[in-house]
Amino acid sequence: MTTVSYKEAGVDISAGNDAVNRIKPLIERTFSPEVGSSVGGFAALYDLKRIIADYQQPMLVQSMDGVGTKTIVARMMQQYDSLGIDLVSATANDILVMGAKPLTLLDYIAADKILPANIEAIVRGMANACFEEGISLTGGETAEMPGTYCQGEHDLVGVITGVVEKDRVITGQDIKSGDLVFGLASSGLHTNGYSLARKLFFDVAGLNVDSYHPELAGTVGEILLKPHLNYCKPVLHCLDQGVTIKGMAHITGGGFLENIPRILPSQCAVEIQSGTWPVPAVFSMMKDLGKLGTNDLFRTFNMGIGLVIVVDESMAAALQANLAAFPDYKLYAIGQVIDSSQKTVRIL
């Protein structure tokens, strides 16, 4: 009888164990005192005593997100650290819009073949980003799935949990006509629009990741791999200082046109004034390459704005003053809320 091993079927258990051994110290560095479990268990433990002491009515806030086909650019560059940063930012910003402070992150990394060095690089970026933001990377899953994923590709997903006081949850329900719309600048594409971006740069323009373009002031790969910004520190600072934020939208897949309406009450729309913030060259270049119209651009990309913040006009000065303490995060007044029978976004 011929014996066929799991390894011969495409799954290398030893490589998976090697990956776990490499990433264990990286993960443990992120643990807060509340983490009550170790790496390698079936599940993670998190002590809620401090939350119960610090909050009157704590609400857990959870979200799940991934980094999409940006992983393909990372594979082309053979540079994986930034993907971990992207995952932390993408998930943390999604709960930040409700006013939540992120506490823990679980990750899922899958590939056709586990290469321990690649897994280590991804988790290193993830762990460093978690450490910087005070997030505990409490667990995850690394899956080797030959036949499911293309050769050399990765899938990266995260589940984040945060906490917010019940009476401080930000829902957007109090937004009204006359409120001001601000935007925090993005670093580039963040984690959305990469299928179209790859089509435009690599197929239409015939460039590769090492192609230097003066308009971009860098190589195509460098520009496309810029990490997704995490807005938790500056925004949570504003909230702690008493700035009343009525609504926030993380500008991810769907761009301005799909994300901003998610926080608007009925009878409200938003007008965005073009030219009120600097649009990074990568978006202008893609516009020209694809001959893209305004709606296509603002439905696919963030166009240089990663987080939209809506405040009453009386809060504008306080928002600007508090964000001045974070010079790496650029804030722009980009529009206003208007009366409307439909929850839409108009680009002027």
Foldseek 3Di string as FASTA:
>chain_A
DDDDDPVNVQADVVLVVLLQVLCQVLQVLLDDPQWDDGAPDPDTGGHCVVVVVPAPAKDKDKDKDWLPPLQVLCLLVVQAQLRLLLQVQVGQVVQVQFVWQWAEKEKEKEDQHRHSVNSSSNSNSNSVNSNVRSYRHGYYYYYHRRPPHDHSGMIMMMMIMTIDHPVSTAQLQPADFQWFKKFKFWLAQSRFQVVLLCCLVCPQVVFGQQDDDVLQPHGNSVSSSPHTDHCNPLSNQLVVVPQRWRGKWFQHQQAPWPTQLNRHDAQKEKEFEPPQDDFRSSLVSSCVSVVDDPNVSRGTGNRGTGMMIIHHPVRVVSSVVSSVVPVVIDMTGTTTMRGDRDHGYHYD
